[in-house]
């Protein structure tokens, strides 16, 4: 079995993954979400330059312990340090290579344009969204325009206290994503 590439992201009810200026302060936090358990599902995360820069601006660009972060950028200089690589290579080829390696899943961590390109390349295995009970009215969409993709619902979970709805979908022919088991009872 190859490693799965899972697009897992928070999204507003009106379909945005970030505000107009890349902000994420609208994301609702719920103490029932066990982020430690979630992070243990992955050993690699991939993101685009804009997501990386938004993380860096908020002081979160250090990555997650035990997880290698790979940033795809045509404008940032290539570099590498512990837990972080900035690469200018083709994202599709790099992700194909990553998927062939043994290990935990790969988290496609934000970046609608990167998601679109990897979806078009047939590399995305699942789309997992945490729908926030927020209407932004404008911002960065879940995915830029392009070809339609049909998905199969794999799992759902609702957090009544916060109103967050988790939806997990598998791409046709892909192995379903794991159950949404990073929620504390």
N, C-alpha and C. Protein backbone atom coordinates (compact mmCIF):
# COMPACT_ATOMS: atom_id res chain seq x y z
N UNK A 1 0.84 -1.18 0.00
CA UNK A 1 0.00 0.00 0.00
C UNK A 1 0.89 1.24 0.00
N UNK A 2 0.54 2.18 -0.85
CA UNK A 2 1.30 3.41 -0.86
C UNK A 2 0.77 4.36 0.21
N UNK A 3 1.55 5.33 0.52
CA UNK A 3 1.16 6.34 1.50
C UNK A 3 0.08 7.23 0.89
N UNK A 4 -0.90 7.60 1.70
CA UNK A 4 -2.00 8.45 1.20
C UNK A 4 -1.63 9.92 1.30
N UNK A 5 -2.09 10.70 0.31
CA UNK A 5 -2.03 12.15 0.37
C UNK A 5 -3.43 12.62 0.73
N UNK A 6 -3.54 13.24 1.91
CA UNK A 6 -4.83 13.65 2.45
C UNK A 6 -4.90 15.17 2.55
N UNK A 7 -5.84 15.75 1.82
CA UNK A 7 -6.07 17.19 1.92
C UNK A 7 -6.98 17.39 3.11
N UNK A 8 -6.40 17.87 4.19
CA UNK A 8 -7.15 18.06 5.43
C UNK A 8 -7.04 19.52 5.82
N UNK A 9 -8.21 20.18 5.92
CA UNK A 9 -8.19 21.62 6.07
C UNK A 9 -9.48 22.10 6.73
N UNK A 10 -9.37 23.23 7.42
CA UNK A 10 -10.56 23.90 7.95
C UNK A 10 -11.14 24.75 6.83
N UNK A 11 -12.46 24.81 6.78
CA UNK A 11 -13.14 25.59 5.74
C UNK A 11 -14.34 26.30 6.36
N UNK A 12 -14.57 27.52 5.92
CA UNK A 12 -15.75 28.24 6.38
C UNK A 12 -16.98 27.63 5.72
N UNK A 13 -18.13 27.91 6.27
CA UNK A 13 -19.37 27.38 5.72
C UNK A 13 -19.58 27.84 4.28
N UNK A 14 -19.02 28.98 3.91
CA UNK A 14 -19.15 29.46 2.53
C UNK A 14 -17.94 29.12 1.66
N UNK A 15 -17.11 28.16 2.10
CA UNK A 15 -16.12 27.56 1.23
C UNK A 15 -14.74 28.18 1.16
N UNK A 16 -14.33 28.92 2.19
CA UNK A 16 -13.01 29.54 2.19
C UNK A 16 -12.10 28.89 3.22
N UNK A 17 -10.81 28.72 2.84
CA UNK A 17 -9.83 28.12 3.75
C UNK A 17 -9.00 29.17 4.46
N UNK A 18 -9.15 30.41 4.05
CA UNK A 18 -8.47 31.54 4.69
C UNK A 18 -9.24 32.80 4.34
N UNK A 19 -9.06 33.81 5.16
CA UNK A 19 -9.69 35.09 4.88
C UNK A 19 -9.03 35.77 3.69
N UNK A 20 -9.52 36.95 3.29
CA UNK A 20 -8.99 37.65 2.12
C UNK A 20 -7.49 37.93 2.19
N UNK A 21 -6.95 38.09 3.38
CA UNK A 21 -5.52 38.36 3.54
C UNK A 21 -4.76 37.15 4.09
N UNK A 22 -5.34 35.97 3.93
CA UNK A 22 -4.70 34.75 4.39
C UNK A 22 -4.93 34.45 5.85
N UNK A 23 -5.75 35.24 6.52
CA UNK A 23 -5.93 35.07 7.96
C UNK A 23 -6.73 33.81 8.29
N UNK A 24 -6.41 33.27 9.46
CA UNK A 24 -7.08 32.05 9.93
C UNK A 24 -7.68 32.23 11.32
N UNK A 25 -7.80 33.47 11.77
CA UNK A 25 -8.30 33.73 13.11
C UNK A 25 -9.79 33.41 13.27
N UNK A 26 -10.46 33.08 12.21
CA UNK A 26 -11.87 32.72 12.22
C UNK A 26 -12.08 31.24 12.56
N UNK A 27 -11.02 30.46 12.58
CA UNK A 27 -11.15 29.02 12.84
C UNK A 27 -11.54 28.80 14.30
N UNK A 28 -12.61 28.07 14.48
CA UNK A 28 -13.15 27.79 15.81
C UNK A 28 -12.31 26.69 16.45
N UNK A 29 -11.94 26.87 17.69
CA UNK A 29 -11.21 25.84 18.43
C UNK A 29 -12.19 25.11 19.33
N UNK A 30 -12.01 23.81 19.42
CA UNK A 30 -12.87 23.00 20.27
C UNK A 30 -11.96 22.08 21.07
N UNK A 31 -12.06 22.08 22.39
CA UNK A 31 -11.16 21.25 23.22
C UNK A 31 -11.36 19.75 22.99
N UNK A 32 -12.41 19.36 22.29
CA UNK A 32 -12.62 17.94 22.02
C UNK A 32 -11.68 17.42 20.93
N UNK A 33 -11.05 18.32 20.19
CA UNK A 33 -10.13 17.89 19.13
C UNK A 33 -8.78 17.58 19.76
N UNK A 34 -8.32 16.36 19.57
CA UNK A 34 -7.03 15.92 20.10
C UNK A 34 -5.98 16.10 18.99
N UNK A 35 -5.36 17.27 18.97
CA UNK A 35 -4.41 17.57 17.90
C UNK A 35 -3.20 16.63 17.94
N UNK A 36 -2.80 16.19 19.11
CA UNK A 36 -1.70 15.23 19.21
C UNK A 36 -2.01 13.94 18.46
N UNK A 37 -3.22 13.43 18.65
CA UNK A 37 -3.64 12.21 17.95
C UNK A 37 -3.74 12.45 16.45
N UNK A 38 -4.21 13.62 16.06
CA UNK A 38 -4.29 13.97 14.64
C UNK A 38 -2.90 14.01 14.03
N UNK A 39 -1.97 14.71 14.66
CA UNK A 39 -0.62 14.86 14.12
C UNK A 39 0.10 13.52 13.99
N UNK A 40 -0.22 12.56 14.86
CA UNK A 40 0.44 11.25 14.81
C UNK A 40 0.08 10.46 13.54
N UNK A 41 -0.93 10.88 12.83
CA UNK A 41 -1.33 10.19 11.60
C UNK A 41 -0.40 10.51 10.42
N UNK A 42 0.44 11.54 10.59
CA UNK A 42 1.26 12.04 9.49
C UNK A 42 2.73 12.08 9.86
N UNK A 43 3.60 11.87 8.87
CA UNK A 43 5.02 12.11 9.09
C UNK A 43 5.56 13.17 8.13
N UNK A 44 4.71 13.60 7.19
CA UNK A 44 5.09 14.62 6.22
C UNK A 44 3.90 15.54 6.00
N UNK A 45 4.18 16.83 5.85
CA UNK A 45 3.12 17.72 5.40
C UNK A 45 3.68 18.55 4.26
N UNK A 46 2.81 18.81 3.29
CA UNK A 46 3.19 19.61 2.13
C UNK A 46 2.28 20.82 2.07
N UNK A 47 2.86 21.93 1.65
CA UNK A 47 2.08 23.17 1.55
C UNK A 47 2.68 24.06 0.49
N UNK A 48 1.90 25.03 0.05
CA UNK A 48 2.37 26.02 -0.89
C UNK A 48 3.01 27.19 -0.17
N UNK A 49 3.60 28.07 -0.93
CA UNK A 49 4.30 29.23 -0.39
C UNK A 49 3.39 30.14 0.42
N UNK A 50 2.20 30.40 -0.08
CA UNK A 50 1.31 31.33 0.63
C UNK A 50 0.91 30.79 2.00
N UNK A 51 0.65 29.51 2.10
CA UNK A 51 0.33 28.90 3.39
C UNK A 51 1.52 29.00 4.32
N UNK A 52 2.71 28.71 3.79
CA UNK A 52 3.92 28.80 4.60
C UNK A 52 4.14 30.23 5.10
N UNK A 53 3.98 31.19 4.21
CA UNK A 53 4.20 32.58 4.62
C UNK A 53 3.17 33.03 5.66
N UNK A 54 1.92 32.56 5.54
CA UNK A 54 0.91 32.89 6.55
C UNK A 54 1.29 32.27 7.89
N UNK A 55 1.80 31.04 7.87
CA UNK A 55 2.25 30.39 9.11
C UNK A 55 3.43 31.14 9.70
N UNK A 56 4.37 31.53 8.85
CA UNK A 56 5.56 32.24 9.33
C UNK A 56 5.18 33.57 9.96
N UNK A 57 4.22 34.26 9.35
CA UNK A 57 3.79 35.56 9.88
C UNK A 57 3.14 35.43 11.25
N UNK A 58 2.52 34.27 11.51
CA UNK A 58 1.88 34.06 12.81
C UNK A 58 2.79 33.33 13.79
N UNK A 59 4.04 33.07 13.38
CA UNK A 59 5.00 32.42 14.26
C UNK A 59 4.87 30.91 14.33
N UNK A 60 4.15 30.32 13.38
CA UNK A 60 3.91 28.87 13.41
C UNK A 60 4.73 28.11 12.37
N UNK A 61 5.72 28.73 11.76
CA UNK A 61 6.45 28.08 10.67
C UNK A 61 7.48 27.07 11.14
N UNK A 62 7.56 26.83 12.42
CA UNK A 62 8.51 25.86 12.94
C UNK A 62 8.14 24.43 12.65
N UNK A 63 6.90 24.21 12.22
CA UNK A 63 6.46 22.86 11.91
C UNK A 63 5.99 22.12 13.15
N UNK A 64 5.78 20.84 12.98
CA UNK A 64 5.33 19.97 14.06
C UNK A 64 6.44 19.00 14.41
N UNK A 65 6.65 18.71 15.67
CA UNK A 65 7.70 17.76 16.04
C UNK A 65 7.48 16.40 15.36
N UNK A 66 8.54 15.87 14.79
CA UNK A 66 8.47 14.55 14.16
C UNK A 66 7.83 14.53 12.78
N UNK A 67 7.52 15.71 12.24
CA UNK A 67 6.88 15.80 10.94
C UNK A 67 7.75 16.67 10.03
N UNK A 68 8.06 16.15 8.84
CA UNK A 68 8.82 16.93 7.88
C UNK A 68 7.86 17.79 7.07
N UNK A 69 8.10 19.09 7.01
CA UNK A 69 7.30 20.02 6.22
C UNK A 69 8.04 20.33 4.93
N UNK A 70 7.31 20.23 3.83
CA UNK A 70 7.87 20.56 2.52
C UNK A 70 7.04 21.68 1.93
N UNK A 71 7.70 22.78 1.60
CA UNK A 71 7.05 23.95 1.02
C UNK A 71 7.41 24.01 -0.46
N UNK A 72 6.39 24.10 -1.31
CA UNK A 72 6.63 24.23 -2.75
C UNK A 72 6.53 25.70 -3.13
N UNK A 73 7.61 26.21 -3.73
CA UNK A 73 7.65 27.61 -4.11
C UNK A 73 8.55 27.82 -5.32
N UNK A 74 8.07 28.65 -6.23
CA UNK A 74 8.91 29.05 -7.36
C UNK A 74 9.64 30.36 -7.07
N UNK A 75 9.31 31.01 -5.95
CA UNK A 75 9.91 32.32 -5.66
C UNK A 75 10.84 32.32 -4.44
N UNK A 76 10.57 31.48 -3.45
CA UNK A 76 11.45 31.42 -2.29
C UNK A 76 12.69 30.63 -2.64
N UNK A 77 13.85 30.99 -2.07
CA UNK A 77 15.06 30.21 -2.35
C UNK A 77 14.97 28.82 -1.71
N UNK A 78 15.46 27.84 -2.44
CA UNK A 78 15.49 26.48 -1.90
C UNK A 78 16.34 26.46 -0.64
N UNK A 79 15.87 25.74 0.37
CA UNK A 79 16.64 25.64 1.61
C UNK A 79 16.17 24.42 2.38
N UNK A 80 16.94 24.05 3.36
CA UNK A 80 16.59 22.93 4.21
C UNK A 80 17.14 23.17 5.61
N UNK A 81 16.33 22.85 6.58
CA UNK A 81 16.75 22.84 7.99
C UNK A 81 15.94 21.74 8.64
N UNK A 82 16.25 21.44 9.87
CA UNK A 82 15.58 20.34 10.54
C UNK A 82 14.06 20.51 10.49
N UNK A 83 13.39 19.55 9.86
CA UNK A 83 11.95 19.53 9.81
C UNK A 83 11.31 20.37 8.72
N UNK A 84 12.12 21.11 7.91
CA UNK A 84 11.55 21.99 6.90
C UNK A 84 12.43 22.03 5.65
N UNK A 85 11.78 21.81 4.51
CA UNK A 85 12.47 21.97 3.22
C UNK A 85 11.64 22.88 2.35
N UNK A 86 12.28 23.83 1.69
CA UNK A 86 11.64 24.65 0.68
C UNK A 86 12.21 24.19 -0.65
N UNK A 87 11.32 23.75 -1.54
CA UNK A 87 11.77 23.19 -2.81
C UNK A 87 11.10 23.91 -3.97
N UNK A 88 11.82 23.95 -5.08
CA UNK A 88 11.27 24.57 -6.28
C UNK A 88 10.92 23.52 -7.33
N UNK A 89 11.18 22.25 -7.00
CA UNK A 89 10.88 21.18 -7.95
C UNK A 89 9.37 21.07 -8.17
N UNK A 90 9.01 20.33 -9.20
CA UNK A 90 7.62 20.08 -9.51
C UNK A 90 6.95 19.36 -8.34
N UNK A 91 5.87 19.93 -7.84
CA UNK A 91 5.18 19.34 -6.69
C UNK A 91 4.67 17.94 -7.00
N UNK A 92 4.15 17.73 -8.20
CA UNK A 92 3.60 16.41 -8.54
C UNK A 92 4.65 15.32 -8.47
N UNK A 93 5.82 15.58 -9.03
CA UNK A 93 6.88 14.58 -9.02
C UNK A 93 7.37 14.32 -7.60
N UNK A 94 7.52 15.36 -6.83
CA UNK A 94 7.97 15.21 -5.45
C UNK A 94 6.96 14.40 -4.65
N UNK A 95 5.67 14.71 -4.79
CA UNK A 95 4.63 14.00 -4.03
C UNK A 95 4.54 12.55 -4.50
N UNK A 96 4.67 12.29 -5.79
CA UNK A 96 4.68 10.89 -6.27
C UNK A 96 5.77 10.10 -5.56
N UNK A 97 6.96 10.68 -5.45
CA UNK A 97 8.08 10.02 -4.78
C UNK A 97 7.77 9.81 -3.30
N UNK A 98 7.21 10.82 -2.65
CA UNK A 98 6.86 10.70 -1.23
C UNK A 98 5.83 9.59 -1.01
N UNK A 99 4.86 9.48 -1.90
CA UNK A 99 3.81 8.47 -1.74
C UNK A 99 4.34 7.05 -1.89
N UNK A 100 5.45 6.89 -2.57
CA UNK A 100 6.02 5.55 -2.77
C UNK A 100 6.84 5.08 -1.57
N UNK A 101 7.17 6.00 -0.67
CA UNK A 101 7.98 5.65 0.50
C UNK A 101 7.08 5.09 1.60
N UNK A 102 7.61 4.18 2.39
CA UNK A 102 6.82 3.70 3.54
C UNK A 102 6.72 4.80 4.59
N UNK A 103 5.71 4.71 5.39
CA UNK A 103 5.56 5.69 6.46
C UNK A 103 4.10 6.03 6.68
N UNK A 104 3.90 7.05 7.46
CA UNK A 104 2.54 7.51 7.74
C UNK A 104 2.04 8.36 6.57
N UNK A 105 0.82 8.82 6.67
CA UNK A 105 0.22 9.58 5.59
C UNK A 105 0.88 10.94 5.42
N UNK A 106 0.60 11.58 4.28
CA UNK A 106 1.09 12.91 3.95
C UNK A 106 -0.09 13.88 4.07
N UNK A 107 0.12 14.94 4.81
CA UNK A 107 -0.92 15.94 5.02
C UNK A 107 -0.72 17.07 4.02
N UNK A 108 -1.67 17.22 3.11
CA UNK A 108 -1.71 18.39 2.24
C UNK A 108 -2.34 19.48 3.08
N UNK A 109 -1.50 20.36 3.59
CA UNK A 109 -1.84 21.30 4.64
C UNK A 109 -2.13 22.68 4.04
N UNK A 110 -3.35 22.89 3.68
CA UNK A 110 -3.71 24.19 3.12
C UNK A 110 -3.09 24.43 1.76
N UNK A 111 -3.53 25.47 1.16
CA UNK A 111 -3.03 25.81 -0.16
C UNK A 111 -3.96 25.29 -1.24
N UNK A 112 -4.98 26.06 -1.57
CA UNK A 112 -5.96 25.66 -2.58
C UNK A 112 -5.32 25.42 -3.94
N UNK A 113 -4.36 26.26 -4.33
CA UNK A 113 -3.72 26.10 -5.64
C UNK A 113 -2.90 24.81 -5.68
N UNK A 114 -2.18 24.50 -4.60
CA UNK A 114 -1.42 23.25 -4.55
C UNK A 114 -2.38 22.06 -4.58
N UNK A 115 -3.46 22.15 -3.83
CA UNK A 115 -4.47 21.09 -3.86
C UNK A 115 -4.98 20.88 -5.28
N UNK A 116 -5.32 21.96 -5.98
CA UNK A 116 -5.84 21.85 -7.34
C UNK A 116 -4.84 21.13 -8.23
N UNK A 117 -3.56 21.51 -8.15
CA UNK A 117 -2.55 20.91 -9.03
C UNK A 117 -2.35 19.43 -8.71
N UNK A 118 -2.36 19.07 -7.43
CA UNK A 118 -2.16 17.66 -7.06
C UNK A 118 -3.41 16.83 -7.34
N UNK A 119 -4.59 17.44 -7.24
CA UNK A 119 -5.82 16.77 -7.62
C UNK A 119 -5.83 16.48 -9.11
N UNK A 120 -5.46 17.49 -9.90
CA UNK A 120 -5.40 17.32 -11.36
C UNK A 120 -4.40 16.25 -11.76
N UNK A 121 -3.35 16.06 -10.96
CA UNK A 121 -2.33 15.05 -11.24
C UNK A 121 -2.75 13.66 -10.75
N UNK A 122 -3.93 13.57 -10.11
CA UNK A 122 -4.42 12.28 -9.62
C UNK A 122 -3.71 11.77 -8.38
N UNK A 123 -3.16 12.67 -7.59
CA UNK A 123 -2.37 12.26 -6.43
C UNK A 123 -3.10 12.36 -5.10
N UNK A 124 -4.24 13.05 -5.06
CA UNK A 124 -4.97 13.24 -3.82
C UNK A 124 -5.83 12.01 -3.54
N UNK A 125 -5.73 11.47 -2.33
CA UNK A 125 -6.50 10.28 -1.96
C UNK A 125 -7.76 10.62 -1.19
N UNK A 126 -7.73 11.71 -0.43
CA UNK A 126 -8.93 12.07 0.33
C UNK A 126 -9.00 13.58 0.53
N UNK A 127 -10.22 14.03 0.74
CA UNK A 127 -10.50 15.42 1.06
C UNK A 127 -11.23 15.39 2.39
N UNK A 128 -10.61 15.98 3.41
CA UNK A 128 -11.14 15.95 4.77
C UNK A 128 -11.26 17.39 5.26
N UNK A 129 -12.50 17.84 5.41
CA UNK A 129 -12.72 19.22 5.80
C UNK A 129 -13.37 19.31 7.17
N UNK A 130 -12.93 20.28 7.93
CA UNK A 130 -13.57 20.63 9.19
C UNK A 130 -14.35 21.91 8.88
N UNK A 131 -15.65 21.78 8.73
CA UNK A 131 -16.49 22.91 8.36
C UNK A 131 -16.78 23.73 9.61
N UNK A 132 -16.32 24.99 9.58
CA UNK A 132 -16.48 25.89 10.71
C UNK A 132 -17.82 26.62 10.59
N UNK A 133 -18.49 26.85 11.70
CA UNK A 133 -19.76 27.58 11.66
C UNK A 133 -19.52 29.08 11.53
N UNK A 134 -18.89 29.45 10.42
CA UNK A 134 -18.51 30.83 10.16
C UNK A 134 -18.76 31.15 8.69
N UNK A 135 -19.27 32.31 8.41
CA UNK A 135 -19.41 32.81 7.04
C UNK A 135 -18.41 33.95 6.87
N UNK A 136 -17.46 33.80 5.94
CA UNK A 136 -16.45 34.83 5.74
C UNK A 136 -16.85 35.85 4.68
N UNK A 137 -17.59 35.43 3.68
CA UNK A 137 -18.01 36.34 2.63
C UNK A 137 -16.98 36.54 1.54
N UNK A 138 -15.72 36.32 1.83
CA UNK A 138 -14.63 36.45 0.86
C UNK A 138 -13.40 35.77 1.44
N UNK A 139 -12.47 35.44 0.57
CA UNK A 139 -11.24 34.82 1.03
C UNK A 139 -10.64 33.91 0.00
N UNK A 140 -9.81 33.00 0.47
CA UNK A 140 -9.14 32.03 -0.40
C UNK A 140 -10.03 30.79 -0.46
N UNK A 141 -10.48 30.41 -1.66
CA UNK A 141 -11.41 29.28 -1.76
C UNK A 141 -10.74 27.94 -1.46
N UNK A 142 -11.57 26.98 -1.10
CA UNK A 142 -11.11 25.62 -0.86
C UNK A 142 -10.29 25.12 -2.04
N UNK A 143 -10.74 25.48 -3.24
CA UNK A 143 -10.05 25.03 -4.44
C UNK A 143 -10.32 26.01 -5.57
N UNK A 144 -9.27 26.38 -6.32
CA UNK A 144 -9.49 27.22 -7.50
C UNK A 144 -10.31 26.49 -8.56
N UNK A 145 -10.84 27.24 -9.49
CA UNK A 145 -11.64 26.65 -10.56
C UNK A 145 -10.85 25.61 -11.33
N UNK A 146 -11.59 24.66 -11.88
CA UNK A 146 -10.99 23.60 -12.67
C UNK A 146 -11.99 22.49 -12.86
N UNK A 147 -11.50 21.34 -13.25
CA UNK A 147 -12.37 20.20 -13.51
C UNK A 147 -13.05 19.72 -12.23
N UNK A 148 -14.26 19.20 -12.41
CA UNK A 148 -15.01 18.65 -11.28
C UNK A 148 -14.38 17.33 -10.83
N UNK A 149 -14.62 17.00 -9.58
CA UNK A 149 -14.15 15.72 -9.02
C UNK A 149 -15.28 15.15 -8.18
N UNK A 150 -15.58 13.90 -8.39
CA UNK A 150 -16.62 13.22 -7.62
C UNK A 150 -15.96 12.45 -6.49
N UNK A 151 -16.52 12.56 -5.30
CA UNK A 151 -15.94 11.95 -4.10
C UNK A 151 -16.96 11.02 -3.46
N UNK A 152 -16.48 10.15 -2.58
CA UNK A 152 -17.34 9.25 -1.83
C UNK A 152 -17.20 9.55 -0.35
N UNK A 153 -18.34 9.80 0.31
CA UNK A 153 -18.31 10.09 1.75
C UNK A 153 -17.81 8.88 2.51
N UNK A 154 -16.80 9.10 3.36
CA UNK A 154 -16.22 8.02 4.14
C UNK A 154 -16.61 8.12 5.61
N UNK A 155 -16.55 9.33 6.18
CA UNK A 155 -16.82 9.50 7.61
C UNK A 155 -17.39 10.88 7.87
N UNK A 156 -18.16 11.00 8.94
CA UNK A 156 -18.64 12.30 9.42
C UNK A 156 -18.51 12.34 10.93
N UNK A 157 -18.44 13.53 11.45
CA UNK A 157 -18.40 13.72 12.90
C UNK A 157 -18.87 15.13 13.19
N UNK A 158 -19.68 15.31 14.19
CA UNK A 158 -20.19 16.62 14.57
C UNK A 158 -19.78 16.91 16.00
N UNK A 159 -19.31 18.13 16.23
CA UNK A 159 -18.99 18.58 17.58
C UNK A 159 -20.07 19.58 18.00
N UNK A 160 -21.07 19.13 18.76
CA UNK A 160 -22.21 19.99 19.09
C UNK A 160 -21.83 21.26 19.86
N UNK A 161 -20.82 21.19 20.71
CA UNK A 161 -20.47 22.36 21.52
C UNK A 161 -20.00 23.53 20.66
N UNK A 162 -19.23 23.25 19.61
CA UNK A 162 -18.68 24.31 18.76
C UNK A 162 -19.42 24.47 17.44
N UNK A 163 -20.12 23.43 17.01
CA UNK A 163 -20.79 23.46 15.71
C UNK A 163 -19.90 23.05 14.55
N UNK A 164 -18.69 22.57 14.83
CA UNK A 164 -17.80 22.09 13.77
C UNK A 164 -18.34 20.77 13.23
N UNK A 165 -18.33 20.64 11.90
CA UNK A 165 -18.75 19.40 11.25
C UNK A 165 -17.55 18.88 10.46
N UNK A 166 -17.13 17.66 10.76
CA UNK A 166 -16.04 17.02 10.04
C UNK A 166 -16.61 16.14 8.94
N UNK A 167 -16.12 16.33 7.73
CA UNK A 167 -16.53 15.53 6.58
C UNK A 167 -15.28 14.95 5.94
N UNK A 168 -15.29 13.66 5.72
CA UNK A 168 -14.13 12.98 5.17
C UNK A 168 -14.57 12.21 3.93
N UNK A 169 -13.93 12.51 2.80
CA UNK A 169 -14.29 11.91 1.52
C UNK A 169 -13.09 11.21 0.91
N UNK A 170 -13.36 10.10 0.22
CA UNK A 170 -12.31 9.39 -0.52
C UNK A 170 -12.46 9.68 -2.00
N UNK A 171 -11.34 9.74 -2.68
CA UNK A 171 -11.35 9.87 -4.14
C UNK A 171 -11.69 8.50 -4.72
N UNK A 172 -12.31 8.45 -5.89
CA UNK A 172 -12.62 7.15 -6.51
C UNK A 172 -11.35 6.30 -6.65
N UNK A 173 -11.45 5.06 -6.24
CA UNK A 173 -10.34 4.12 -6.35
C UNK A 173 -9.29 4.23 -5.26
N UNK A 174 -9.41 5.22 -4.40
CA UNK A 174 -8.43 5.41 -3.33
C UNK A 174 -8.86 4.66 -2.07
N UNK A 175 -7.90 4.36 -1.25
CA UNK A 175 -8.21 3.76 0.06
C UNK A 175 -8.83 4.85 0.92
N UNK A 176 -9.92 4.53 1.57
CA UNK A 176 -10.62 5.51 2.39
C UNK A 176 -9.71 6.05 3.48
N UNK A 177 -9.91 7.31 3.84
CA UNK A 177 -9.13 7.86 4.95
C UNK A 177 -9.52 7.19 6.25
N UNK A 178 -8.67 7.30 7.26
CA UNK A 178 -9.00 6.69 8.55
C UNK A 178 -10.21 7.38 9.18
N UNK A 179 -10.82 6.70 10.11
CA UNK A 179 -11.95 7.27 10.84
C UNK A 179 -11.50 8.54 11.55
N UNK A 180 -12.44 9.40 11.82
CA UNK A 180 -12.16 10.65 12.51
C UNK A 180 -12.09 10.32 14.00
N UNK A 181 -10.96 9.75 14.41
CA UNK A 181 -10.83 9.25 15.76
C UNK A 181 -9.94 10.12 16.65
N UNK A 182 -9.68 11.33 16.19
CA UNK A 182 -8.87 12.25 16.99
C UNK A 182 -9.77 13.23 17.76
N UNK A 183 -11.00 12.80 18.00
CA UNK A 183 -11.95 13.57 18.81
C UNK A 183 -12.07 12.88 20.15
N UNK A 184 -11.89 13.65 21.23
CA UNK A 184 -12.03 13.09 22.57
C UNK A 184 -13.51 12.87 22.87
N UNK A 185 -13.80 11.82 23.57
CA UNK A 185 -15.19 11.49 23.90
C UNK A 185 -15.76 12.48 24.90
